[in-house]
Amino acid sequence: MSEAIAFDTHRFVKRLTESGFTERQAETLAEEHVALLNANLATKADIAAIHADIVRVEAGVETLRQATRADIAKVEAKIESVKVDLLKWMFGALIAQGGLIVALVKLL
């Protein structure tokens, strides 16, 4: 992993030793600061990789959205087809029922 930020360890160590730290303590603290910064800060490359992942996921979501819309359109078309068939059967049954009633009335 590349260094996340420019951290002047020499200046850091120099200031700590001037403040009373031993050189070994100051160097250890500087190393830990660099490790901490590098482990917890995102680089431009990290952000670019995440952005690329987001773009890829968004493209996948859009593909799913379009597929879902197409599926919904198919279901709606099927529902319309079933409605038409149901209306045909209902009107046919009404006509048949009307004819049966007329026939029964004529018999009486």
PDB file of N, CA and C in Angstrom:
ATOM      1  N   MET A   1       0.849  -1.180   0.000  1.00  0.00           N
ATOM      2  CA  MET A   1       0.000   0.000   0.000  1.00  0.00           C
ATOM      3  C   MET A   1       0.888   1.234   0.000  1.00  0.00           C
ATOM      4  N   SER A   2       0.534   2.186  -0.837  1.00  0.00           N
ATOM      5  CA  SER A   2       1.345   3.396  -0.878  1.00  0.00           C
ATOM      6  C   SER A   2       1.027   4.269   0.332  1.00  0.00           C
ATOM      7  N   GLU A   3       1.933   5.155   0.631  1.00  0.00           N
ATOM      8  CA  GLU A   3       1.756   6.021   1.783  1.00  0.00           C
ATOM      9  C   GLU A   3       0.583   6.950   1.551  1.00  0.00           C
ATOM     10  N   ALA A   4      -0.334   7.012   2.510  1.00  0.00           N
ATOM     11  CA  ALA A   4      -1.557   7.774   2.347  1.00  0.00           C
ATOM     12  C   ALA A   4      -1.298   9.279   2.329  1.00  0.00           C
ATOM     13  N   ILE A   5      -0.418   9.765   3.197  1.00  0.00           N
ATOM     14  CA  ILE A   5      -0.121  11.191   3.247  1.00  0.00           C
ATOM     15  C   ILE A   5       1.379  11.367   3.418  1.00  0.00           C
ATOM     16  N   ALA A   6       1.822  12.571   3.113  1.00  0.00           N
ATOM     17  CA  ALA A   6       3.234  12.883   3.343  1.00  0.00           C
ATOM     18  C   ALA A   6       3.386  13.220   4.829  1.00  0.00           C
ATOM     19  N   PHE A   7       4.182  12.434   5.516  1.00  0.00           N
ATOM     20  CA  PHE A   7       4.385  12.644   6.946  1.00  0.00           C
ATOM     21  C   PHE A   7       5.878  12.784   7.183  1.00  0.00           C
ATOM     22  N   ASP A   8       6.275  13.928   7.650  1.00  0.00           N
ATOM     23  CA  ASP A   8       7.697  14.218   7.855  1.00  0.00           C
ATOM     24  C   ASP A   8       8.150  13.586   9.179  1.00  0.00           C
ATOM     25  N   THR A   9       8.637  12.345   9.099  1.00  0.00           N
ATOM     26  CA  THR A   9       9.041  11.630  10.307  1.00  0.00           C
ATOM     27  C   THR A   9      10.282  12.267  10.929  1.00  0.00           C
ATOM     28  N   HIS A  10      11.170  12.784  10.093  1.00  0.00           N
ATOM     29  CA  HIS A  10      12.392  13.412  10.639  1.00  0.00           C
ATOM     30  C   HIS A  10      12.024  14.618  11.506  1.00  0.00           C
ATOM     31  N   ARG A  11      11.156  15.473  10.997  1.00  0.00           N
ATOM     32  CA  ARG A  11      10.722  16.652  11.757  1.00  0.00           C
ATOM     33  C   ARG A  11       9.998  16.215  13.034  1.00  0.00           C
ATOM     34  N   PHE A  12       9.160  15.175  12.916  1.00  0.00           N
ATOM     35  CA  PHE A  12       8.413  14.666  14.057  1.00  0.00           C
ATOM     36  C   PHE A  12       9.373  14.170  15.143  1.00  0.00           C
ATOM     37  N   VAL A  13      10.342  13.357  14.747  1.00  0.00           N
ATOM     38  CA  VAL A  13      11.327  12.819  15.694  1.00  0.00           C
ATOM     39  C   VAL A  13      12.130  13.962  16.306  1.00  0.00           C
ATOM     40  N   LYS A  14      12.542  14.913  15.486  1.00  0.00           N
ATOM     41  CA  LYS A  14      13.343  16.049  15.977  1.00  0.00           C
ATOM     42  C   LYS A  14      12.573  16.840  17.029  1.00  0.00           C
ATOM     43  N   ARG A  15      11.305  17.113  16.773  1.00  0.00           N
ATOM     44  CA  ARG A  15      10.495  17.877  17.731  1.00  0.00           C
ATOM     45  C   ARG A  15      10.280  17.107  19.027  1.00  0.00           C
ATOM     46  N   LEU A  16      10.085  15.785  18.919  1.00  0.00           N
ATOM     47  CA  LEU A  16       9.890  14.986  20.129  1.00  0.00           C
ATOM     48  C   LEU A  16      11.171  14.929  20.969  1.00  0.00           C
ATOM     49  N   THR A  17      12.309  14.761  20.308  1.00  0.00           N
ATOM     50  CA  THR A  17      13.572  14.714  21.073  1.00  0.00           C
ATOM     51  C   THR A  17      13.853  16.058  21.719  1.00  0.00           C
ATOM     52  N   GLU A  18      13.480  17.144  21.057  1.00  0.00           N
ATOM     53  CA  GLU A  18      13.640  18.477  21.653  1.00  0.00           C
ATOM     54  C   GLU A  18      12.724  18.661  22.857  1.00  0.00           C
ATOM     55  N   SER A  19      11.623  17.895  22.880  1.00  0.00           N
ATOM     56  CA  SER A  19      10.665  17.999  23.983  1.00  0.00           C
ATOM     57  C   SER A  19      10.977  17.042  25.129  1.00  0.00           C
ATOM     58  N   GLY A  20      12.047  16.242  24.982  1.00  0.00           N
ATOM     59  CA  GLY A  20      12.446  15.390  26.075  1.00  0.00           C
ATOM     60  C   GLY A  20      12.311  13.900  25.822  1.00  0.00           C
ATOM     61  N   PHE A  21      11.790  13.491  24.689  1.00  0.00           N
ATOM     62  CA  PHE A  21      11.735  12.074  24.359  1.00  0.00           C
ATOM     63  C   PHE A  21      13.131  11.606  23.985  1.00  0.00           C
ATOM     64  N   THR A  22      13.391  10.321  24.226  1.00  0.00           N
ATOM     65  CA  THR A  22      14.649   9.769  23.727  1.00  0.00           C
ATOM     66  C   THR A  22      14.480   9.566  22.225  1.00  0.00           C
ATOM     67  N   GLU A  23      15.591   9.436  21.524  1.00  0.00           N
ATOM     68  CA  GLU A  23      15.506   9.253  20.072  1.00  0.00           C
ATOM     69  C   GLU A  23      14.761   7.963  19.739  1.00  0.00           C
ATOM     70  N   ARG A  24      15.004   6.909  20.523  1.00  0.00           N
ATOM     71  CA  ARG A  24      14.321   5.625  20.289  1.00  0.00           C
ATOM     72  C   ARG A  24      12.814   5.770  20.491  1.00  0.00           C
ATOM     73  N   GLN A  25      12.399   6.466  21.545  1.00  0.00           N
ATOM     74  CA  GLN A  25      10.974   6.681  21.786  1.00  0.00           C
ATOM     75  C   GLN A  25      10.347   7.486  20.646  1.00  0.00           C
ATOM     76  N   ALA A  26      11.023   8.528  20.233  1.00  0.00           N
ATOM     77  CA  ALA A  26      10.505   9.391  19.169  1.00  0.00           C
ATOM     78  C   ALA A  26      10.391   8.631  17.850  1.00  0.00           C
ATOM     79  N   GLU A  27      11.392   7.813  17.519  1.00  0.00           N
ATOM     80  CA  GLU A  27      11.356   7.042  16.275  1.00  0.00           C
ATOM     81  C   GLU A  27      10.229   6.007  16.304  1.00  0.00           C
ATOM     82  N   THR A  28      10.064   5.349  17.445  1.00  0.00           N
ATOM     83  CA  THR A  28       8.999   4.356  17.577  1.00  0.00           C
ATOM     84  C   THR A  28       7.644   5.027  17.430  1.00  0.00           C
ATOM     85  N   LEU A  29       7.475   6.159  18.073  1.00  0.00           N
ATOM     86  CA  LEU A  29       6.210   6.892  17.975  1.00  0.00           C
ATOM     87  C   LEU A  29       5.953   7.344  16.533  1.00  0.00           C
ATOM     88  N   ALA A  30       6.986   7.801  15.843  1.00  0.00           N
ATOM     89  CA  ALA A  30       6.847   8.221  14.445  1.00  0.00           C
ATOM     90  C   ALA A  30       6.441   7.040  13.567  1.00  0.00           C
ATOM     91  N   GLU A  31       7.063   5.889  13.770  1.00  0.00           N
ATOM     92  CA  GLU A  31       6.721   4.699  12.984  1.00  0.00           C
ATOM     93  C   GLU A  31       5.263   4.302  13.209  1.00  0.00           C
ATOM     94  N   GLU A  32       4.837   4.358  14.456  1.00  0.00           N
ATOM     95  CA  GLU A  32       3.453   3.991  14.766  1.00  0.00           C
ATOM     96  C   GLU A  32       2.461   4.993  14.176  1.00  0.00           C
ATOM     97  N   HIS A  33       2.829   6.260  14.199  1.00  0.00           N
ATOM     98  CA  HIS A  33       1.962   7.269  13.574  1.00  0.00           C
ATOM     99  C   HIS A  33       1.813   7.008  12.079  1.00  0.00           C
ATOM    100  N   VAL A  34       2.910   6.719  11.415  1.00  0.00           N
ATOM    101  CA  VAL A  34       2.871   6.440   9.976  1.00  0.00           C
ATOM    102  C   VAL A  34       2.012   5.199   9.710  1.00  0.00           C
ATOM    103  N   ALA A  35       2.207   4.148  10.499  1.00  0.00           N
ATOM    104  CA  ALA A  35       1.422   2.927  10.317  1.00  0.00           C
ATOM    105  C   ALA A  35      -0.063   3.207  10.540  1.00  0.00           C
ATOM    106  N   LEU A  36      -0.375   3.971  11.568  1.00  0.00           N
ATOM    107  CA  LEU A  36      -1.762   4.305  11.873  1.00  0.00           C
ATOM    108  C   LEU A  36      -2.393   5.119  10.755  1.00  0.00           C
ATOM    109  N   LEU A  37      -1.666   6.112  10.275  1.00  0.00           N
ATOM    110  CA  LEU A  37      -2.185   6.939   9.185  1.00  0.00           C
ATOM    111  C   LEU A  37      -2.402   6.113   7.918  1.00  0.00           C
ATOM    112  N   ASN A  38      -1.425   5.294   7.579  1.00  0.00           N
ATOM    113  CA  ASN A  38      -1.532   4.493   6.357  1.00  0.00           C
ATOM    114  C   ASN A  38      -2.656   3.460   6.448  1.00  0.00           C
ATOM    115  N   ALA A  39      -2.915   2.966   7.629  1.00  0.00           N
ATOM    116  CA  ALA A  39      -3.956   1.951   7.786  1.00  0.00           C
ATOM    117  C   ALA A  39      -5.358   2.553   7.788  1.00  0.00           C
ATOM    118  N   ASN A  40      -5.493   3.823   8.137  1.00  0.00           N
ATOM    119  CA  ASN A  40      -6.823   4.388   8.343  1.00  0.00           C
ATOM    120  C   ASN A  40      -7.226   5.506   7.398  1.00  0.00           C
ATOM    121  N   LEU A  41      -6.329   5.939   6.539  1.00  0.00           N
ATOM    122  CA  LEU A  41      -6.680   6.997   5.596  1.00  0.00           C
ATOM    123  C   LEU A  41      -6.778   6.419   4.190  1.00  0.00           C
ATOM    124  N   ALA A  42      -7.750   6.892   3.449  1.00  0.00           N
ATOM    125  CA  ALA A  42      -7.927   6.426   2.079  1.00  0.00           C
ATOM    126  C   ALA A  42      -7.064   7.263   1.140  1.00  0.00           C
ATOM    127  N   THR A  43      -6.465   6.585   0.191  1.00  0.00           N
ATOM    128  CA  THR A  43      -5.696   7.280  -0.841  1.00  0.00           C
ATOM    129  C   THR A  43      -6.617   7.607  -2.007  1.00  0.00           C
ATOM    130  N   LYS A  44      -6.121   8.404  -2.943  1.00  0.00           N
ATOM    131  CA  LYS A  44      -6.899   8.691  -4.146  1.00  0.00           C
ATOM    132  C   LYS A  44      -7.182   7.397  -4.900  1.00  0.00           C
ATOM    133  N   ALA A  45      -6.226   6.481  -4.895  1.00  0.00           N
ATOM    134  CA  ALA A  45      -6.417   5.197  -5.575  1.00  0.00           C
ATOM    135  C   ALA A  45      -7.519   4.387  -4.885  1.00  0.00           C
ATOM    136  N   ASP A  46      -7.553   4.422  -3.550  1.00  0.00           N
ATOM    137  CA  ASP A  46      -8.612   3.720  -2.815  1.00  0.00           C
ATOM    138  C   ASP A  46      -9.987   4.279  -3.191  1.00  0.00           C
ATOM    139  N   ILE A  47     -10.070   5.597  -3.230  1.00  0.00           N
ATOM    140  CA  ILE A  47     -11.337   6.254  -3.559  1.00  0.00           C
ATOM    141  C   ILE A  47     -11.730   5.958  -4.999  1.00  0.00           C
ATOM    142  N   ALA A  48     -10.754   5.963  -5.905  1.00  0.00           N
ATOM    143  CA  ALA A  48     -11.044   5.650  -7.313  1.00  0.00           C
ATOM    144  C   ALA A  48     -11.544   4.217  -7.454  1.00  0.00           C
ATOM    145  N   ALA A  49     -10.967   3.292  -6.714  1.00  0.00           N
ATOM    146  CA  ALA A  49     -11.405   1.892  -6.774  1.00  0.00           C
ATOM    147  C   ALA A  49     -12.828   1.751  -6.246  1.00  0.00           C
ATOM    148  N   ILE A  50     -13.130   2.434  -5.168  1.00  0.00           N
ATOM    149  CA  ILE A  50     -14.483   2.382  -4.610  1.00  0.00           C
ATOM    150  C   ILE A  50     -15.471   3.013  -5.593  1.00  0.00           C
ATOM    151  N   HIS A  51     -15.065   4.123  -6.210  1.00  0.00           N
ATOM    152  CA  HIS A  51     -15.932   4.773  -7.195  1.00  0.00           C
ATOM    153  C   HIS A  51     -16.212   3.830  -8.365  1.00  0.00           C
ATOM    154  N   ALA A  52     -15.178   3.130  -8.825  1.00  0.00           N
ATOM    155  CA  ALA A  52     -15.356   2.172  -9.925  1.00  0.00           C
ATOM    156  C   ALA A  52     -16.314   1.060  -9.516  1.00  0.00           C
ATOM    157  N   ASP A  53     -16.207   0.596  -8.269  1.00  0.00           N
ATOM    158  CA  ASP A  53     -17.133  -0.426  -7.767  1.00  0.00           C
ATOM    159  C   ASP A  53     -18.570   0.097  -7.739  1.00  0.00           C
ATOM    160  N   ILE A  54     -18.738   1.329  -7.305  1.00  0.00           N
ATOM    161  CA  ILE A  54     -20.069   1.928  -7.244  1.00  0.00           C
ATOM    162  C   ILE A  54     -20.664   2.048  -8.643  1.00  0.00           C
ATOM    163  N   VAL A  55     -19.858   2.493  -9.598  1.00  0.00           N
ATOM    164  CA  VAL A  55     -20.334   2.623 -10.982  1.00  0.00           C
ATOM    165  C   VAL A  55     -20.753   1.253 -11.513  1.00  0.00           C
ATOM    166  N   ARG A  56     -19.938   0.226 -11.218  1.00  0.00           N
ATOM    167  CA  ARG A  56     -20.261  -1.124 -11.676  1.00  0.00           C
ATOM    168  C   ARG A  56     -21.570  -1.617 -11.045  1.00  0.00           C
ATOM    169  N   VAL A  57     -21.738  -1.379  -9.755  1.00  0.00           N
ATOM    170  CA  VAL A  57     -22.959  -1.799  -9.061  1.00  0.00           C
ATOM    171  C   VAL A  57     -24.169  -1.042  -9.601  1.00  0.00           C
ATOM    172  N   GLU A  58     -24.010   0.264  -9.834  1.00  0.00           N
ATOM    173  CA  GLU A  58     -25.109   1.053 -10.382  1.00  0.00           C
ATOM    174  C   GLU A  58     -25.524   0.527 -11.752  1.00  0.00           C
ATOM    175  N   ALA A  59     -24.550   0.139 -12.573  1.00  0.00           N
ATOM    176  CA  ALA A  59     -24.860  -0.423 -13.893  1.00  0.00           C
ATOM    177  C   ALA A  59     -25.640  -1.730 -13.736  1.00  0.00           C
ATOM    178  N   GLY A  60     -25.243  -2.547 -12.767  1.00  0.00           N
ATOM    179  CA  GLY A  60     -25.962  -3.791 -12.504  1.00  0.00           C
ATOM    180  C   GLY A  60     -27.371  -3.534 -12.022  1.00  0.00           C
ATOM    181  N   VAL A  61     -27.533  -2.540 -11.175  1.00  0.00           N
ATOM    182  CA  VAL A  61     -28.862  -2.182 -10.668  1.00  0.00           C
ATOM    183  C   VAL A  61     -29.737  -1.701 -11.825  1.00  0.00           C
ATOM    184  N   GLU A  62     -29.171  -0.898 -12.705  1.00  0.00           N
ATOM    185  CA  GLU A  62     -29.937  -0.403 -13.853  1.00  0.00           C
ATOM    186  C   GLU A  62     -30.355  -1.558 -14.763  1.00  0.00           C
ATOM    187  N   THR A  63     -29.467  -2.524 -14.958  1.00  0.00           N
ATOM    188  CA  THR A  63     -29.801  -3.702 -15.759  1.00  0.00           C
ATOM    189  C   THR A  63     -30.956  -4.468 -15.112  1.00  0.00           C
ATOM    190  N   LEU A  64     -30.880  -4.648 -13.807  1.00  0.00           N
ATOM    191  CA  LEU A  64     -31.974  -5.334 -13.086  1.00  0.00           C
ATOM    192  C   LEU A  64     -33.277  -4.545 -13.160  1.00  0.00           C
ATOM    193  N   ARG A  65     -33.171  -3.230 -13.060  1.00  0.00           N
ATOM    194  CA  ARG A  65     -34.363  -2.376 -13.140  1.00  0.00           C
ATOM    195  C   ARG A  65     -35.043  -2.542 -14.498  1.00  0.00           C
ATOM    196  N   GLN A  66     -34.247  -2.533 -15.554  1.00  0.00           N
ATOM    197  CA  GLN A  66     -34.817  -2.695 -16.895  1.00  0.00           C
ATOM    198  C   GLN A  66     -35.433  -4.081 -17.068  1.00  0.00           C
ATOM    199  N   ALA A  67     -34.762  -5.101 -16.558  1.00  0.00           N
ATOM    200  CA  ALA A  67     -35.302  -6.458 -16.650  1.00  0.00           C
ATOM    201  C   ALA A  67     -36.603  -6.576 -15.865  1.00  0.00           C
ATOM    202  N   THR A  68     -36.646  -5.943 -14.702  1.00  0.00           N
ATOM    203  CA  THR A  68     -37.857  -5.971 -13.886  1.00  0.00           C
ATOM    204  C   THR A  68     -39.004  -5.263 -14.591  1.00  0.00           C
ATOM    205  N   ARG A  69     -38.713  -4.118 -15.211  1.00  0.00           N
ATOM    206  CA  ARG A  69     -39.753  -3.406 -15.961  1.00  0.00           C
ATOM    207  C   ARG A  69     -40.277  -4.269 -17.104  1.00  0.00           C
ATOM    208  N   ALA A  70     -39.376  -4.966 -17.784  1.00  0.00           N
ATOM    209  CA  ALA A  70     -39.795  -5.847 -18.876  1.00  0.00           C
ATOM    210  C   ALA A  70     -40.666  -6.981 -18.343  1.00  0.00           C
ATOM    211  N   ASP A  71     -40.276  -7.546 -17.206  1.00  0.00           N
ATOM    212  CA  ASP A  71     -41.080  -8.616 -16.597  1.00  0.00           C
ATOM    213  C   ASP A  71     -42.453  -8.107 -16.176  1.00  0.00           C
ATOM    214  N   ILE A  72     -42.498  -6.915 -15.617  1.00  0.00           N
ATOM    215  CA  ILE A  72     -43.776  -6.327 -15.202  1.00  0.00           C
ATOM    216  C   ILE A  72     -44.661  -6.098 -16.421  1.00  0.00           C
ATOM    217  N   ALA A  73     -44.075  -5.627 -17.506  1.00  0.00           N
ATOM    218  CA  ALA A  73     -44.850  -5.410 -18.729  1.00  0.00           C
ATOM    219  C   ALA A  73     -45.421  -6.728 -19.244  1.00  0.00           C
ATOM    220  N   LYS A  74     -44.652  -7.803 -19.157  1.00  0.00           N
ATOM    221  CA  LYS A  74     -45.152  -9.117 -19.584  1.00  0.00           C
ATOM    222  C   LYS A  74     -46.315  -9.570 -18.698  1.00  0.00           C
ATOM    223  N   VAL A  75     -46.171  -9.382 -17.399  1.00  0.00           N
ATOM    224  CA  VAL A  75     -47.233  -9.774 -16.466  1.00  0.00           C
ATOM    225  C   VAL A  75     -48.487  -8.947 -16.721  1.00  0.00           C
ATOM    226  N   GLU A  76     -48.329  -7.641 -16.945  1.00  0.00           N
ATOM    227  CA  GLU A  76     -49.483  -6.794 -17.224  1.00  0.00           C
ATOM    228  C   GLU A  76     -50.185  -7.237 -18.508  1.00  0.00           C
ATOM    229  N   ALA A  77     -49.414  -7.600 -19.526  1.00  0.00           N
ATOM    230  CA  ALA A  77     -49.997  -8.077 -20.776  1.00  0.00           C
ATOM    231  C   ALA A  77     -50.766  -9.377 -20.550  1.00  0.00           C
ATOM    232  N   LYS A  78     -50.210 -10.256 -19.737  1.00  0.00           N
ATOM    233  CA  LYS A  78     -50.877 -11.519 -19.428  1.00  0.00           C
ATOM    234  C   LYS A  78     -52.180 -11.267 -18.661  1.00  0.00           C
ATOM    235  N   ILE A  79     -52.149 -10.331 -17.724  1.00  0.00           N
ATOM    236  CA  ILE A  79     -53.352  -9.979 -16.962  1.00  0.00           C
ATOM    237  C   ILE A  79     -54.429  -9.453 -17.903  1.00  0.00           C
ATOM    238  N   GLU A  80     -54.061  -8.596 -18.835  1.00  0.00           N
ATOM    239  CA  GLU A  80     -55.022  -8.066 -19.806  1.00  0.00           C
ATOM    240  C   GLU A  80     -55.613  -9.192 -20.644  1.00  0.00           C
ATOM    241  N   SER A  81     -54.773 -10.129 -21.048  1.00  0.00           N
ATOM    242  CA  SER A  81     -55.240 -11.271 -21.836  1.00  0.00           C
ATOM    243  C   SER A  81     -56.244 -12.110 -21.040  1.00  0.00           C
ATOM    244  N   VAL A  82     -55.932 -12.328 -19.766  1.00  0.00           N
ATOM    245  CA  VAL A  82     -56.838 -13.108 -18.913  1.00  0.00           C
ATOM    246  C   VAL A  82     -58.148 -12.351 -18.703  1.00  0.00           C
ATOM    247  N   LYS A  83     -58.090 -11.025 -18.563  1.00  0.00           N
ATOM    248  CA  LYS A  83     -59.306 -10.226 -18.406  1.00  0.00           C
ATOM    249  C   LYS A  83     -60.217 -10.393 -19.618  1.00  0.00           C
ATOM    250  N   VAL A  84     -59.615 -10.301 -20.802  1.00  0.00           N
ATOM    251  CA  VAL A  84     -60.399 -10.434 -22.033  1.00  0.00           C
ATOM    252  C   VAL A  84     -61.041 -11.819 -22.102  1.00  0.00           C
ATOM    253  N   ASP A  85     -60.256 -12.845 -21.806  1.00  0.00           N
ATOM    254  CA  ASP A  85     -60.802 -14.212 -21.828  1.00  0.00           C
ATOM    255  C   ASP A  85     -61.925 -14.374 -20.804  1.00  0.00           C
ATOM    256  N   LEU A  86     -61.736 -13.825 -19.628  1.00  0.00           N
ATOM    257  CA  LEU A  86     -62.747 -13.921 -18.578  1.00  0.00           C
ATOM    258  C   LEU A  86     -64.031 -13.216 -18.998  1.00  0.00           C
ATOM    259  N   LEU A  87     -63.900 -12.033 -19.606  1.00  0.00           N
ATOM    260  CA  LEU A  87     -65.088 -11.314 -20.076  1.00  0.00           C
ATOM    261  C   LEU A  87     -65.814 -12.102 -21.172  1.00  0.00           C
ATOM    262  N   LYS A  88     -65.063 -12.716 -22.066  1.00  0.00           N
ATOM    263  CA  LYS A  88     -65.685 -13.539 -23.108  1.00  0.00           C
ATOM    264  C   LYS A  88     -66.497 -14.675 -22.481  1.00  0.00           C
ATOM    265  N   TRP A  89     -65.918 -15.366 -21.527  1.00  0.00           N
ATOM    266  CA  TRP A  89     -66.613 -16.473 -20.868  1.00  0.00           C
ATOM    267  C   TRP A  89     -67.837 -15.981 -20.087  1.00  0.00           C
ATOM    268  N   MET A  90     -67.689 -14.834 -19.423  1.00  0.00           N
ATOM    269  CA  MET A  90     -68.814 -14.303 -18.645  1.00  0.00           C
ATOM    270  C   MET A  90     -69.981 -13.934 -19.560  1.00  0.00           C
ATOM    271  N   PHE A  91     -69.686 -13.232 -20.671  1.00  0.00           N
ATOM    272  CA  PHE A  91     -70.758 -12.868 -21.599  1.00  0.00           C
ATOM    273  C   PHE A  91     -71.357 -14.110 -22.252  1.00  0.00           C
ATOM    274  N   GLY A  92     -70.520 -15.078 -22.572  1.00  0.00           N
ATOM    275  CA  GLY A  92     -71.036 -16.341 -23.124  1.00  0.00           C
ATOM    276  C   GLY A  92     -71.947 -17.039 -22.141  1.00  0.00           C
ATOM    277  N   ALA A  93     -71.542 -17.066 -20.871  1.00  0.00           N
ATOM    278  CA  ALA A  93     -72.365 -17.698 -19.839  1.00  0.00           C
ATOM    279  C   ALA A  93     -73.662 -16.930 -19.651  1.00  0.00           C
ATOM    280  N   LEU A  94     -73.621 -15.585 -19.712  1.00  0.00           N
ATOM    281  CA  LEU A  94     -74.842 -14.778 -19.584  1.00  0.00           C
ATOM    282  C   LEU A  94     -75.808 -15.061 -20.730  1.00  0.00           C
ATOM    283  N   ILE A  95     -75.280 -15.130 -21.933  1.00  0.00           N
ATOM    284  CA  ILE A  95     -76.118 -15.415 -23.094  1.00  0.00           C
ATOM    285  C   ILE A  95     -76.732 -16.812 -22.966  1.00  0.00           C
ATOM    286  N   ALA A  96     -75.907 -17.780 -22.570  1.00  0.00           N
ATOM    287  CA  ALA A  96     -76.413 -19.144 -22.395  1.00  0.00           C
ATOM    288  C   ALA A  96     -77.475 -19.188 -21.304  1.00  0.00           C
ATOM    289  N   GLN A  97     -77.233 -18.473 -20.215  1.00  0.00           N
ATOM    290  CA  GLN A  97     -78.194 -18.441 -19.114  1.00  0.00           C
ATOM    291  C   GLN A  97     -79.491 -17.772 -19.574  1.00  0.00           C
ATOM    292  N   GLY A  98     -79.352 -16.684 -20.320  1.00  0.00           N
ATOM    293  CA  GLY A  98     -80.545 -15.998 -20.848  1.00  0.00           C
ATOM    294  C   GLY A  98     -81.335 -16.917 -21.761  1.00  0.00           C
ATOM    295  N   GLY A  99     -80.638 -17.644 -22.620  1.00  0.00           N
ATOM    296  CA  GLY A  99     -81.316 -18.585 -23.520  1.00  0.00           C
ATOM    297  C   GLY A  99     -82.012 -19.691 -22.744  1.00  0.00           C
ATOM    298  N   LEU A 100     -81.375 -20.184 -21.695  1.00  0.00           N
ATOM    299  CA  LEU A 100     -81.977 -21.230 -20.868  1.00  0.00           C
ATOM    300  C   LEU A 100     -83.234 -20.717 -20.176  1.00  0.00           C
ATOM    301  N   ILE A 101     -83.160 -19.485 -19.681  1.00  0.00           N
ATOM    302  CA  ILE A 101     -84.323 -18.895 -18.999  1.00  0.00           C
ATOM    303  C   ILE A 101     -85.486 -18.724 -19.998  1.00  0.00           C
ATOM    304  N   VAL A 102     -85.181 -18.220 -21.192  1.00  0.00           N
ATOM    305  CA  VAL A 102     -86.208 -18.050 -22.218  1.00  0.00           C
ATOM    306  C   VAL A 102     -86.821 -19.406 -22.571  1.00  0.00           C
ATOM    307  N   ALA A 103     -85.998 -20.421 -22.722  1.00  0.00           N
ATOM    308  CA  ALA A 103     -86.501 -21.759 -23.069  1.00  0.00           C
ATOM    309  C   ALA A 103     -87.392 -22.301 -21.960  1.00  0.00           C
ATOM    310  N   LEU A 104     -87.007 -22.105 -20.711  1.00  0.00           N
ATOM    311  CA  LEU A 104     -87.799 -22.594 -19.592  1.00  0.00           C
ATOM    312  C   LEU A 104     -89.123 -21.845 -19.477  1.00  0.00           C
ATOM    313  N   VAL A 105     -89.096 -20.560 -19.730  1.00  0.00           N
ATOM    314  CA  VAL A 105     -90.320 -19.753 -19.664  1.00  0.00           C
ATOM    315  C   VAL A 105     -91.282 -20.208 -20.762  1.00  0.00           C
ATOM    316  N   LYS A 106     -90.788 -20.530 -21.950  1.00  0.00           N
ATOM    317  CA  LYS A 106     -91.644 -20.991 -23.059  1.00  0.00           C
ATOM    318  C   LYS A 106     -92.263 -22.340 -22.735  1.00  0.00           C
ATOM    319  N   LEU A 107     -91.539 -23.162 -21.969  1.00  0.00           N
ATOM    320  CA  LEU A 107     -92.080 -24.482 -21.609  1.00  0.00           C
ATOM    321  C   LEU A 107     -93.227 -24.363 -20.612  1.00  0.00           C
ATOM    322  N   LEU A 108     -93.239 -23.346 -19.838  1.00  0.00           N
ATOM    323  CA  LEU A 108     -94.269 -23.190 -18.812  1.00  0.00           C
ATOM    324  C   LEU A 108     -95.428 -22.527 -19.377  1.00  0.00           C
TER     325      LEU A 108
END
